[in-house]
């Protein structure tokens, strides 16, 4: 009987080990299937949720791409500028609005200077945070309208992007620089002969208000 008992144990031990290994392998396979399914769903979701603006940003490589798009697509909207002027007069600077870059790219590529500057700022920083794009406010000594543009860094120098002017201020448009400071840009503006514009203060200033 003892011989039979041990013989039976020896015969069945490999079966037990085989059973354990098979169960472990099946658990691993099931786990891998779940991981693959999760990755697939995530990739599909990302491809579906990527907006045309996000796709453009992912393909743009430099500030020139941002400038080229604004130069080709952005148009100055005098009616929106009047609306902004009314808001500023009645409710103050904190009520100012600028277009969300996605809205500007996909739905309405017109606006006032703040819309263009906001698009440039957000897009430049998405492409490369080292651009350190920020707002610059230009005071017009001849009275409103004043002006907003975007400053950014490139090759350790300061540049200005401005594609948000009306027909009378087109001499300001473009990518300007390199400068060591805003003084260089101030000198450029002072050299322009534009009716109704005399450059006053040129300073870094956060844009108050919200996006629409």
Protein backbone atom coordinates (compact mmCIF):
# COMPACT_ATOMS: atom_id res chain seq x y z
CA UNK A 1 0.00 0.00 0.00
CA UNK A 2 2.81 2.37 0.84
CA UNK A 3 4.44 1.67 -2.48
CA UNK A 4 1.24 2.36 -4.32
CA UNK A 5 0.70 5.61 -2.36
CA UNK A 6 4.10 7.02 -3.23
CA UNK A 7 3.80 5.79 -6.78
CA UNK A 8 0.46 7.57 -7.10
CA UNK A 9 1.94 10.78 -5.65
CA UNK A 10 4.88 10.69 -7.98
CA UNK A 11 2.68 10.10 -10.97
CA UNK A 12 0.29 12.97 -10.16
CA UNK A 13 2.85 15.58 -9.04
CA UNK A 14 3.78 16.60 -12.61
CA UNK A 15 0.07 16.92 -13.37
CA UNK A 16 -0.37 19.29 -10.42
CA UNK A 17 2.62 21.38 -11.52
CA UNK A 18 1.36 21.39 -15.09
CA UNK A 19 -2.05 22.53 -13.87
CA UNK A 20 -0.52 25.36 -11.83
CA UNK A 21 1.68 26.50 -14.72
CA UNK A 22 -1.23 26.43 -17.15
CA UNK A 23 -3.38 28.58 -14.83
CA UNK A 24 -0.53 31.07 -14.38
CA UNK A 25 0.02 31.31 -18.12
CA UNK A 26 -3.70 31.89 -18.72
CA UNK A 27 -3.74 34.68 -16.11
CA UNK A 28 -0.77 36.35 -17.81
CA UNK A 29 -2.41 36.04 -21.23
CA UNK A 30 -5.65 37.53 -19.89
CA UNK A 31 -3.74 40.40 -18.27
CA UNK A 32 -1.82 41.10 -21.50
CA UNK A 33 -5.06 41.15 -23.48
CA UNK A 34 -6.50 43.73 -21.10
CA UNK A 35 -3.37 45.89 -21.36
CA UNK A 36 -3.40 45.71 -25.17
CA UNK A 37 -7.10 46.59 -25.23
CA UNK A 38 -6.50 49.57 -22.93
CA UNK A 39 -3.63 50.85 -25.07
CA UNK A 40 -5.71 50.45 -28.24
CA UNK A 41 -8.65 52.36 -26.74
CA UNK A 42 -6.32 55.13 -25.55
CA UNK A 43 -4.72 55.49 -28.98
CA UNK A 44 -8.11 55.55 -30.69
CA UNK A 45 -9.41 58.14 -28.24
CA UNK A 46 -6.38 60.37 -28.76
CA UNK A 47 -6.64 60.15 -32.54
CA UNK A 48 -10.35 60.98 -32.45
CA UNK A 49 -10.05 63.79 -29.89
CA UNK A 50 -7.13 65.62 -31.58
CA UNK A 51 -8.50 68.88 -32.98
CA UNK A 52 -7.33 70.43 -36.27
CA UNK A 53 -5.53 73.09 -34.22
CA UNK A 54 -3.71 70.46 -32.15
CA UNK A 55 -2.74 68.61 -35.32
CA UNK A 56 -1.37 71.83 -36.82
CA UNK A 57 0.62 72.61 -33.68
CA UNK A 58 2.14 69.13 -33.71
CA UNK A 59 3.36 69.71 -37.28
CA UNK A 60 4.67 73.27 -36.76
CA UNK A 61 8.36 73.45 -35.92
CA UNK A 62 9.16 77.12 -35.37
CA UNK A 63 7.84 80.63 -34.83
CA UNK A 64 7.84 81.09 -38.61
CA UNK A 65 5.06 78.52 -38.95
CA UNK A 66 2.91 80.48 -36.50
CA UNK A 67 3.66 83.75 -38.26
CA UNK A 68 2.94 82.29 -41.70
CA UNK A 69 -0.46 81.00 -40.59
CA UNK A 70 -1.47 84.32 -39.03
CA UNK A 71 -0.21 86.27 -42.04
CA UNK A 72 -2.22 84.08 -44.42
CA UNK A 73 -5.39 83.61 -42.38
CA UNK A 74 -5.95 86.29 -39.73
CA UNK A 75 -8.02 89.31 -40.70
CA UNK A 76 -8.64 92.39 -38.60
CA UNK A 77 -12.28 92.82 -37.56
CA UNK A 78 -13.18 96.46 -36.89
CA UNK A 79 -16.59 95.55 -35.45
CA UNK A 80 -14.96 93.29 -32.85
CA UNK A 81 -12.49 96.06 -32.05
CA UNK A 82 -15.40 98.43 -31.43
CA UNK A 83 -17.04 95.84 -29.18
CA UNK A 84 -13.80 95.48 -27.21
CA UNK A 85 -13.51 99.27 -26.92
CA UNK A 86 -17.06 99.46 -25.56
CA UNK A 87 -16.39 96.69 -23.03
CA UNK A 88 -13.20 98.43 -21.94
CA UNK A 89 -14.97 101.75 -21.48
CA UNK A 90 -17.99 100.41 -19.59
CA UNK A 91 -16.61 97.47 -17.60
CA UNK A 92 -12.87 98.04 -17.38
CA UNK A 93 -9.82 95.98 -18.45
CA UNK A 94 -10.79 92.85 -16.52
CA UNK A 95 -13.74 92.37 -18.89
CA UNK A 96 -11.59 92.16 -22.01
CA UNK A 97 -11.91 88.99 -24.10
CA UNK A 98 -9.56 87.30 -26.55
CA UNK A 99 -10.35 84.38 -28.80
CA UNK A 100 -9.28 80.94 -27.72
CA UNK A 101 -6.60 79.75 -30.20
CA UNK A 102 -8.67 76.68 -31.14
CA UNK A 103 -11.68 78.88 -31.94
CA UNK A 104 -9.53 81.27 -33.94
CA UNK A 105 -7.97 78.45 -35.95
CA UNK A 106 -11.08 76.35 -36.55
CA UNK A 107 -14.09 78.70 -36.48
CA UNK A 108 -13.33 82.40 -36.84
CA UNK A 109 -9.91 83.65 -37.94
CA UNK A 110 -10.79 87.32 -37.59
CA UNK A 111 -10.55 89.58 -34.58
CA UNK A 112 -8.76 92.42 -32.84
CA UNK A 113 -5.05 92.63 -31.99
CA UNK A 114 -5.54 90.75 -28.71
CA UNK A 115 -6.93 87.74 -30.59
CA UNK A 116 -3.89 87.55 -32.86
CA UNK A 117 -1.44 88.08 -30.00
CA UNK A 118 -3.11 85.41 -27.86
CA UNK A 119 -2.95 82.91 -30.71
CA UNK A 120 0.74 83.63 -31.22
CA UNK A 121 1.52 83.41 -27.50
CA UNK A 122 -0.27 80.12 -26.86
CA UNK A 123 0.95 78.52 -30.09
CA UNK A 124 4.59 79.49 -29.59
CA UNK A 125 4.63 78.10 -26.06
CA UNK A 126 2.98 74.86 -27.22
CA UNK A 127 5.60 74.37 -29.93
CA UNK A 128 8.47 75.08 -27.54
CA UNK A 129 8.15 76.40 -23.97
CA UNK A 130 11.65 77.88 -24.39
CA UNK A 131 10.01 80.59 -26.51
CA UNK A 132 8.71 82.02 -23.23
CA UNK A 133 6.10 83.94 -25.22
CA UNK A 134 4.44 86.79 -23.28
CA UNK A 135 2.20 89.78 -23.72
CA UNK A 136 3.50 93.22 -24.64
CA UNK A 137 1.30 96.31 -24.37
CA UNK A 138 1.92 99.35 -26.57
CA UNK A 139 0.55 102.67 -25.41
CA UNK A 140 -0.53 104.97 -28.23
CA UNK A 141 0.15 108.60 -27.29
CA UNK A 142 -2.40 109.71 -29.89
CA UNK A 143 -5.12 107.99 -27.89
CA UNK A 144 -6.98 104.72 -28.33
CA UNK A 145 -6.73 102.29 -29.88
CA UNK A 146 -3.67 101.02 -28.09
CA UNK A 147 -2.05 97.76 -29.13
CA UNK A 148 -1.11 94.25 -27.97
CA UNK A 149 1.65 92.09 -29.46
CA UNK A 150 3.60 88.95 -28.53
CA UNK A 151 7.22 88.83 -27.39
CA UNK A 152 9.23 85.61 -27.51
CA UNK A 153 12.78 84.33 -27.22
CA UNK A 154 14.75 82.75 -30.04
CA UNK A 155 18.49 82.07 -30.13
CA UNK A 156 18.89 84.02 -26.88
CA UNK A 157 17.40 87.15 -28.45
CA UNK A 158 14.07 88.94 -28.15
CA UNK A 159 11.59 88.95 -31.03
CA UNK A 160 8.14 90.47 -31.49
CA UNK A 161 5.28 88.90 -33.46
CA UNK A 162 2.49 91.18 -34.66
CA UNK A 163 -0.12 90.17 -37.23
CA UNK A 164 -3.07 91.85 -35.51
CA UNK A 165 -3.16 95.33 -37.04
CA UNK A 166 -5.80 97.08 -39.08
CA UNK A 167 -5.21 98.50 -42.56
CA UNK A 168 -3.79 101.77 -41.25
CA UNK A 169 -1.16 100.09 -39.09
CA UNK A 170 0.15 97.46 -41.50
CA UNK A 171 3.67 98.91 -41.21
CA UNK A 172 3.78 97.31 -37.75
CA UNK A 173 3.02 93.83 -39.04
CA UNK A 174 5.54 91.03 -39.10
CA UNK A 175 8.13 89.30 -36.95
CA UNK A 176 10.56 91.90 -35.65
CA UNK A 177 13.98 91.47 -34.11
CA UNK A 178 16.41 90.37 -32.91
CA UNK A 179 16.51 92.78 -29.99
CA UNK A 180 18.35 92.84 -26.70
CA UNK A 181 15.34 94.39 -24.96
CA UNK A 182 12.01 96.07 -25.63
CA UNK A 183 13.90 99.32 -26.19
CA UNK A 184 14.95 98.04 -29.62
CA UNK A 185 11.33 97.35 -30.54
CA UNK A 186 10.31 100.76 -29.17
CA UNK A 187 12.87 102.37 -31.48
CA UNK A 188 11.42 100.47 -34.44
CA UNK A 189 7.91 101.71 -33.66
CA UNK A 190 9.20 105.26 -33.21
CA UNK A 191 10.69 105.12 -36.71
CA UNK A 192 7.30 104.46 -38.31
CA UNK A 193 5.22 107.23 -39.83
CA UNK A 194 1.66 106.15 -39.09
CA UNK A 195 -1.28 108.55 -38.95
CA UNK A 196 -2.98 108.42 -35.55
CA UNK A 197 -0.13 106.59 -33.84
CA UNK A 198 2.75 107.79 -31.71
CA UNK A 199 4.50 105.18 -29.61
CA UNK A 200 4.45 105.72 -25.87
CA UNK A 201 5.18 103.06 -23.28
CA UNK A 202 6.10 99.58 -24.52
CA UNK A 203 5.99 97.12 -21.63
CA UNK A 204 5.38 93.53 -20.62
CA UNK A 205 1.88 93.28 -19.19
CA UNK A 206 -0.48 90.40 -18.55
CA UNK A 207 -3.66 90.51 -20.58
CA UNK A 208 -6.62 90.95 -18.21
CA UNK A 209 -9.91 89.23 -18.91
CA UNK A 210 -10.78 85.84 -20.38
CA UNK A 211 -10.89 83.81 -23.59
CA UNK A 212 -14.04 83.37 -25.65
